[in-house]
Amino acid sequence: MSAIKISNIIYKGWKNTIEISNLDIKVLVVPEIGRIMYYGFLDGQNIFYENEQLEGIQFNTGEYYKEKDIKKAPNLGGNRVLPCSEEYFDRLTGSRHLPDPFINASVYETILLKNGVLLISPLSELLGIQIERSITISENGTGVTIEQKLIKKIAAKNAILEKIPLTIWSLSKIKIPNVSYLPIDSNSIFNAGFFISKWPDAKNNADINTFVNNGVLELKSSEDLPQKVGADSKNWVAGYVDDSLFIEEFNFDTQTLYPDGGTSVTLFGNSVFSELECLSPEKNLRIGESICYDLHWSLLKVKDKKEVYSILQGLKETNYEPSF
């Protein structure tokens, strides 16, 4: 008899939430907003940040969320995906802060699997793409596998949008205070092994909270100003919250181009949450073509930061590669 249980529950006002659990963890998938909103030990807390002010809200597919008649990307929390890098948001939506409204926070379709659920996004009328995410858990332990596929279904809305290179960009918002980590590639294309972005409309505070220890970059969560670090890291990124270490694994392709000048991983944060961001290689797709990019999550209970460093140094020194 399988230890995996799948059930429909009401979670903070979302009536179609799918709970996936085993004897160690539970994962909550909310189709109404197309996100994974909970990942944690059965006897612990959610690793993800959740915005209490937007609990239970549902958005109209393809419509922009507004606060006081100003278009914004809703800060819901949890884990989501986007279909292109922020560099192209201006071209796509007219604002560098607004992602594709068909993919971000829209209602997704679901198909139940024996050990999880398949999430299917609406068809983006802007980019002509659709995203599928198969979210499954292991029989025991904390493993979560997310198989992701971005499919070009129809032509983009216009010729300008057709030229935007596509990527699967996974963003996991975790609670603060926390420390986020990424491995620095010894053959990095960036001079320091990472870069700190320059923003046209805000100060990037990462320079005062970033430290490097034996090839592992550490970014402490910010108490005020926003901050962001990017890198061409291979295979994993991690976040340390309370007594838990959250590890996201991915496969790195040395033969393809990554977004934002070669960025495979980004750490972003502010005074509310931190974000672990994993980006697939980017491509211009023809109708019928697709991008596949899978993730594997795990959670470890840790005593302190010293143990965290021991685990992450072990991954770094053995040139760890995902086994999924």
Protein backbone atom coordinates (compact mmCIF):
# COMPACT_ATOMS: atom_id res chain seq x y z
CA MET A 1 0.00 0.00 0.00
CA SER A 2 1.39 3.37 -1.03
CA ALA A 3 2.33 5.87 1.65
CA ILE A 4 1.44 8.68 -0.74
CA LYS A 5 -1.92 10.35 -0.19
CA ILE A 6 -3.62 12.79 -2.56
CA SER A 7 -6.72 14.71 -1.56
CA ASN A 8 -8.69 17.84 -2.38
CA ILE A 9 -8.85 20.36 0.44
CA ILE A 10 -9.81 23.98 1.06
CA TYR A 11 -6.66 25.94 1.85
CA LYS A 12 -6.94 29.54 3.03
CA GLY A 13 -9.98 30.12 0.83
CA TRP A 14 -8.78 28.20 -2.25
CA LYS A 15 -11.37 25.46 -2.68
CA ASN A 16 -9.58 23.29 -5.26
CA THR A 17 -6.26 22.84 -3.46
CA ILE A 18 -4.56 19.48 -3.99
CA GLU A 19 -2.63 18.06 -1.02
CA ILE A 20 0.08 15.50 -1.79
CA SER A 21 1.76 13.84 1.19
CA ASN A 22 3.75 10.87 2.43
CA LEU A 23 4.91 10.04 5.94
CA ASP A 24 7.47 12.85 5.92
CA ILE A 25 6.23 15.86 3.91
CA LYS A 26 3.25 17.52 2.35
CA VAL A 27 2.94 19.65 -0.77
CA LEU A 28 -0.04 21.90 -1.52
CA VAL A 29 -0.80 22.80 -5.14
CA VAL A 30 -3.35 25.59 -5.75
CA PRO A 31 -4.74 25.45 -9.32
CA GLU A 32 -6.70 28.70 -8.85
CA ILE A 33 -3.40 30.61 -8.95
CA GLY A 34 -1.21 28.05 -10.74
CA ARG A 35 1.26 27.67 -7.88
CA ILE A 36 2.77 25.36 -5.34
CA MET A 37 1.98 27.18 -2.11
CA TYR A 38 3.26 24.78 0.55
CA TYR A 39 6.26 22.48 0.98
CA GLY A 40 7.29 21.30 4.41
CA PHE A 41 7.75 18.50 6.92
CA LEU A 42 4.54 17.02 8.34
CA ASP A 43 5.76 18.01 11.80
CA GLY A 44 7.15 21.37 10.66
CA GLN A 45 6.23 24.59 8.89
CA ASN A 46 5.88 25.74 5.32
CA ILE A 47 9.26 26.65 3.81
CA PHE A 48 7.52 29.09 1.45
CA TYR A 49 6.46 32.67 2.07
CA GLU A 50 2.70 33.31 1.79
CA ASN A 51 1.02 36.69 1.52
CA GLU A 52 -1.89 36.70 3.98
CA GLN A 53 -3.47 39.72 2.28
CA LEU A 54 -4.11 37.76 -0.92
CA GLU A 55 -5.36 34.50 0.60
CA GLY A 56 -8.17 32.85 -1.36
CA ILE A 57 -8.02 35.32 -4.24
CA GLN A 58 -8.63 34.14 -7.79
CA PHE A 59 -7.64 36.02 -10.92
CA ASN A 60 -9.16 36.23 -14.37
CA THR A 61 -6.97 34.57 -16.98
CA GLY A 62 -5.04 37.09 -19.04
CA GLU A 63 -6.09 40.08 -16.94
CA TYR A 64 -3.65 42.18 -14.93
CA TYR A 65 -3.96 42.41 -11.17
CA LYS A 66 -4.55 45.98 -9.99
CA GLU A 67 -4.03 47.84 -6.73
CA LYS A 68 -5.64 51.29 -6.72
CA ASP A 69 -6.00 51.04 -10.51
CA ILE A 70 -2.26 50.39 -10.92
CA LYS A 71 -1.26 47.19 -12.72
CA LYS A 72 0.97 44.96 -10.60
CA ALA A 73 2.24 41.39 -10.41
CA PRO A 74 0.44 39.93 -7.35
CA ASN A 75 2.86 38.97 -4.58
CA LEU A 76 1.19 35.68 -3.62
CA GLY A 77 4.23 33.69 -2.55
CA GLY A 78 4.91 29.99 -3.06
CA ASN A 79 6.51 28.65 -6.22
CA ARG A 80 5.57 29.69 -9.78
CA VAL A 81 7.00 29.73 -13.31
CA LEU A 82 7.36 32.42 -15.96
CA PRO A 83 8.04 31.94 -19.71
CA CYS A 84 10.71 34.58 -20.40
CA SER A 85 13.32 36.54 -18.49
CA GLU A 86 12.64 39.94 -16.94
CA GLU A 87 14.74 41.55 -19.66
CA TYR A 88 11.78 41.18 -22.06
CA PHE A 89 8.90 42.25 -19.79
CA ASP A 90 8.87 45.77 -21.25
CA ARG A 91 8.38 44.37 -24.72
CA LEU A 92 5.82 41.84 -23.53
CA THR A 93 3.59 43.87 -21.19
CA GLY A 94 4.90 47.45 -21.33
CA SER A 95 6.48 47.28 -17.86
CA ARG A 96 9.65 45.66 -16.53
CA HIS A 97 7.65 44.62 -13.45
CA LEU A 98 4.76 42.85 -15.24
CA PRO A 99 5.14 39.24 -16.45
CA ASP A 100 2.82 37.39 -18.84
CA PRO A 101 -0.67 37.57 -17.20
CA PHE A 102 -1.80 34.35 -18.88
CA ILE A 103 0.93 32.34 -17.13
CA ASN A 104 1.38 34.27 -13.88
CA ALA A 105 -1.37 33.74 -11.27
CA SER A 106 -3.99 32.46 -13.72
CA VAL A 107 -6.23 29.42 -13.19
CA TYR A 108 -4.47 26.21 -14.27
CA GLU A 109 -6.07 22.93 -15.28
CA THR A 110 -5.16 19.77 -13.34
CA ILE A 111 -4.85 16.05 -14.00
CA LEU A 112 -4.32 13.81 -10.98
CA LEU A 113 -1.39 11.36 -11.11
CA LYS A 114 -0.77 8.34 -8.88
CA ASN A 115 1.89 10.23 -6.93
CA GLY A 116 1.06 13.86 -7.66
CA VAL A 117 -0.63 16.22 -10.09
CA LEU A 118 -0.13 17.68 -13.56
CA LEU A 119 -0.65 21.45 -13.78
CA ILE A 120 -1.49 22.88 -17.21
CA SER A 121 -1.37 26.63 -17.76
CA PRO A 122 -3.74 28.63 -19.95
CA LEU A 123 -2.56 29.28 -23.49
CA SER A 124 -0.73 32.61 -23.53
CA GLU A 125 -2.30 34.82 -26.18
CA LEU A 126 0.80 37.02 -26.00
CA LEU A 127 3.55 34.45 -26.56
CA GLY A 128 1.52 31.57 -28.00
CA ILE A 129 2.84 29.12 -25.42
CA GLN A 130 1.55 26.77 -22.73
CA ILE A 131 3.37 25.33 -19.72
CA GLU A 132 2.90 21.89 -18.16
CA ARG A 133 4.27 20.99 -14.72
CA SER A 134 4.15 17.43 -13.37
CA ILE A 135 4.58 17.65 -9.57
CA THR A 136 5.20 14.30 -7.87
CA ILE A 137 6.66 13.12 -4.55
CA SER A 138 8.63 10.04 -3.55
CA GLU A 139 7.13 7.18 -1.52
CA ASN A 140 9.21 8.25 1.47
CA GLY A 141 11.57 11.03 2.35
CA THR A 142 11.33 14.64 1.20
CA GLY A 143 11.91 14.33 -2.54
CA VAL A 144 9.71 16.30 -4.94
CA THR A 145 10.24 16.05 -8.70
CA ILE A 146 8.87 18.76 -11.00
CA GLU A 147 8.95 17.87 -14.69
CA GLN A 148 8.36 21.02 -16.73
CA LYS A 149 7.58 21.60 -20.39
CA LEU A 150 7.00 24.87 -22.28
CA ILE A 151 5.28 24.24 -25.63
CA LYS A 152 4.92 26.66 -28.52
CA LYS A 153 1.29 26.17 -29.60
CA ILE A 154 0.45 29.14 -31.84
CA ALA A 155 2.11 32.26 -33.21
CA ALA A 156 2.75 35.11 -30.79
CA LYS A 157 0.44 38.12 -30.78
CA ASN A 158 2.77 40.07 -33.08
CA ALA A 159 6.16 39.90 -34.76
CA ILE A 160 7.90 41.78 -31.92
CA LEU A 161 6.77 39.22 -29.33
CA GLU A 162 7.71 36.38 -31.66
CA LYS A 163 11.36 37.43 -31.31
CA ILE A 164 11.41 37.05 -27.51
CA PRO A 165 13.54 34.01 -26.50
CA LEU A 166 11.66 31.69 -24.18
CA THR A 167 12.76 30.06 -20.94
CA ILE A 168 11.24 28.14 -18.03
CA TRP A 169 11.94 30.38 -15.04
CA SER A 170 11.04 28.80 -11.70
CA LEU A 171 10.76 31.13 -8.69
CA SER A 172 10.50 29.86 -5.11
CA LYS A 173 9.69 32.48 -2.47
CA ILE A 174 10.96 31.43 0.96
CA LYS A 175 10.40 32.95 4.38
CA ILE A 176 12.71 35.41 6.09
CA PRO A 177 14.98 35.65 7.97
CA ASN A 178 16.99 33.20 5.88
CA VAL A 179 20.29 32.64 4.13
CA SER A 180 20.38 31.68 0.44
CA TYR A 181 23.24 29.85 -1.25
CA LEU A 182 24.58 29.07 -4.71
CA PRO A 183 27.76 27.32 -5.87
CA ILE A 184 30.28 29.42 -7.79
CA ASP A 185 31.51 27.74 -10.95
CA SER A 186 35.32 27.67 -11.12
CA ASN A 187 35.03 28.36 -14.87
CA SER A 188 32.38 31.05 -14.50
CA ILE A 189 31.82 33.53 -17.32
CA PHE A 190 31.47 36.23 -14.64
CA ASN A 191 34.66 37.78 -13.26
CA ALA A 192 33.83 37.12 -9.60
CA GLY A 193 31.81 33.99 -10.33
CA PHE A 194 28.62 36.01 -9.89
CA PHE A 195 27.25 39.47 -10.63
CA ILE A 196 25.18 42.06 -8.76
CA SER A 197 22.63 43.72 -11.03
CA LYS A 198 22.40 47.48 -11.57
CA TRP A 199 18.77 48.64 -11.58
CA PRO A 200 17.43 51.75 -13.32
CA ASP A 201 14.82 52.49 -10.65
CA ALA A 202 16.17 51.13 -7.33
CA LYS A 203 19.38 50.37 -5.41
CA ASN A 204 20.56 46.77 -5.29
CA ASN A 205 21.55 46.12 -1.68
CA ALA A 206 23.23 42.75 -2.32
CA ASP A 207 26.79 44.06 -2.08
CA ILE A 208 26.56 44.41 1.71
CA ASN A 209 24.93 41.01 2.33
CA THR A 210 26.92 38.77 -0.04
CA PHE A 211 29.79 36.58 1.18
CA VAL A 212 31.82 33.81 -0.46
CA ASN A 213 33.22 30.86 1.47
CA ASN A 214 35.18 28.12 -0.34
CA GLY A 215 33.28 28.49 -3.57
CA VAL A 216 29.80 28.83 -2.05
CA LEU A 217 28.09 32.21 -2.19
CA GLU A 218 25.90 33.23 0.75
CA LEU A 219 23.27 35.96 0.61
CA LYS A 220 21.72 37.00 3.92
CA SER A 221 18.10 38.10 3.73
CA SER A 222 17.61 41.86 3.69
CA GLU A 223 15.88 43.83 6.41
CA ASP A 224 15.05 46.77 4.15
CA LEU A 225 16.36 47.39 0.63
CA PRO A 226 15.85 44.84 -2.21
CA GLN A 227 18.80 42.80 -3.41
CA LYS A 228 19.68 40.45 -6.25
CA VAL A 229 22.63 38.24 -7.22
CA GLY A 230 22.96 36.21 -10.43
CA ALA A 231 25.38 33.44 -11.42
CA ASP A 232 26.03 30.64 -13.91
CA SER A 233 25.84 28.05 -11.13
CA LYS A 234 25.60 24.37 -11.97
CA ASN A 235 23.15 21.85 -10.54
CA TRP A 236 21.78 23.36 -7.31
CA VAL A 237 20.68 26.35 -5.24
CA ALA A 238 19.62 26.33 -1.58
CA GLY A 239 17.91 28.24 1.22
CA TYR A 240 18.29 27.89 5.01
CA VAL A 241 15.18 28.78 7.03
CA ASP A 242 14.83 28.07 10.76
CA ASP A 243 16.02 24.44 11.15
CA SER A 244 15.45 23.41 7.52
CA LEU A 245 17.69 23.40 4.45
CA PHE A 246 15.78 23.59 1.16
CA ILE A 247 17.75 22.35 -1.87
CA GLU A 248 16.63 22.80 -5.47
CA GLU A 249 18.48 20.68 -8.02
CA PHE A 250 18.53 21.14 -11.78
CA ASN A 251 20.51 19.92 -14.77
CA PHE A 252 22.94 22.38 -16.36
CA ASP A 253 23.51 22.28 -20.11
CA THR A 254 26.96 23.51 -21.11
CA GLN A 255 26.06 23.54 -24.80
CA THR A 256 23.23 26.09 -24.74
CA LEU A 257 22.64 29.75 -23.92
CA TYR A 258 21.10 30.89 -20.64
CA PRO A 259 19.11 34.12 -20.07
CA ASP A 260 20.49 37.44 -18.89
CA GLY A 261 23.98 36.94 -20.27
CA GLY A 262 24.38 33.35 -19.09
CA THR A 263 22.46 33.28 -15.80
CA SER A 264 21.21 29.88 -14.59
CA VAL A 265 20.46 30.94 -10.99
CA THR A 266 19.33 34.16 -9.32
CA LEU A 267 18.88 35.02 -5.65
CA PHE A 268 16.45 37.88 -5.02
CA GLY A 269 15.18 39.27 -1.75
CA ASN A 270 13.56 42.12 0.14
CA SER A 271 12.19 42.73 3.62
CA VAL A 272 9.29 40.30 3.04
CA PHE A 273 10.72 37.21 1.33
CA SER A 274 13.70 35.77 -0.52
CA GLU A 275 13.47 34.09 -3.90
CA LEU A 276 15.46 31.17 -5.27
CA GLU A 277 15.24 31.39 -9.05
CA CYS A 278 16.27 28.66 -11.50
CA LEU A 279 16.28 29.38 -15.23
CA SER A 280 16.38 26.98 -18.15
CA PRO A 281 18.37 27.67 -21.31
CA GLU A 282 16.51 30.12 -23.56
CA LYS A 283 15.38 29.41 -27.11
CA ASN A 284 13.29 30.86 -29.90
CA LEU A 285 10.70 28.20 -30.66
CA ARG A 286 8.72 27.34 -33.74
CA ILE A 287 5.16 26.06 -33.43
CA GLY A 288 5.28 22.49 -32.10
CA GLU A 289 8.70 22.88 -30.48
CA SER A 290 9.24 22.86 -26.72
CA ILE A 291 11.65 23.43 -23.83
CA CYS A 292 11.96 20.82 -21.06
CA TYR A 293 13.52 21.71 -17.71
CA ASP A 294 13.13 19.62 -14.57
CA LEU A 295 13.71 20.34 -10.89
CA HIS A 296 14.14 18.18 -7.81
CA TRP A 297 13.47 19.47 -4.30
CA SER A 298 14.59 18.10 -0.96
CA LEU A 299 14.39 19.24 2.65
CA LEU A 300 16.92 18.47 5.36
CA LYS A 301 16.63 19.11 9.07
CA VAL A 302 19.78 20.87 10.25
CA LYS A 303 21.10 21.94 13.64
CA ASP A 304 22.90 25.14 12.68
CA LYS A 305 24.68 27.08 9.96
CA LYS A 306 27.84 25.01 10.45
CA GLU A 307 25.97 21.88 9.43
CA VAL A 308 24.47 23.73 6.46
CA TYR A 309 27.96 24.65 5.23
CA SER A 310 29.16 21.08 5.69
CA ILE A 311 26.32 19.77 3.51
CA LEU A 312 26.74 22.42 0.81
CA GLN A 313 30.53 22.11 0.71
CA GLY A 314 30.04 18.40 0.21
CA LEU A 315 27.85 19.07 -2.81
CA LYS A 316 30.34 21.60 -4.18
CA GLU A 317 33.51 19.55 -3.67
CA THR A 318 32.14 16.36 -5.21
CA ASN A 319 30.91 18.24 -8.31
CA TYR A 320 27.49 16.94 -7.39
CA GLU A 321 25.10 16.32 -10.25
CA PRO A 322 21.37 15.65 -9.87
CA SER A 323 20.38 12.00 -10.04
CA PHE A 324 16.82 12.53 -11.27
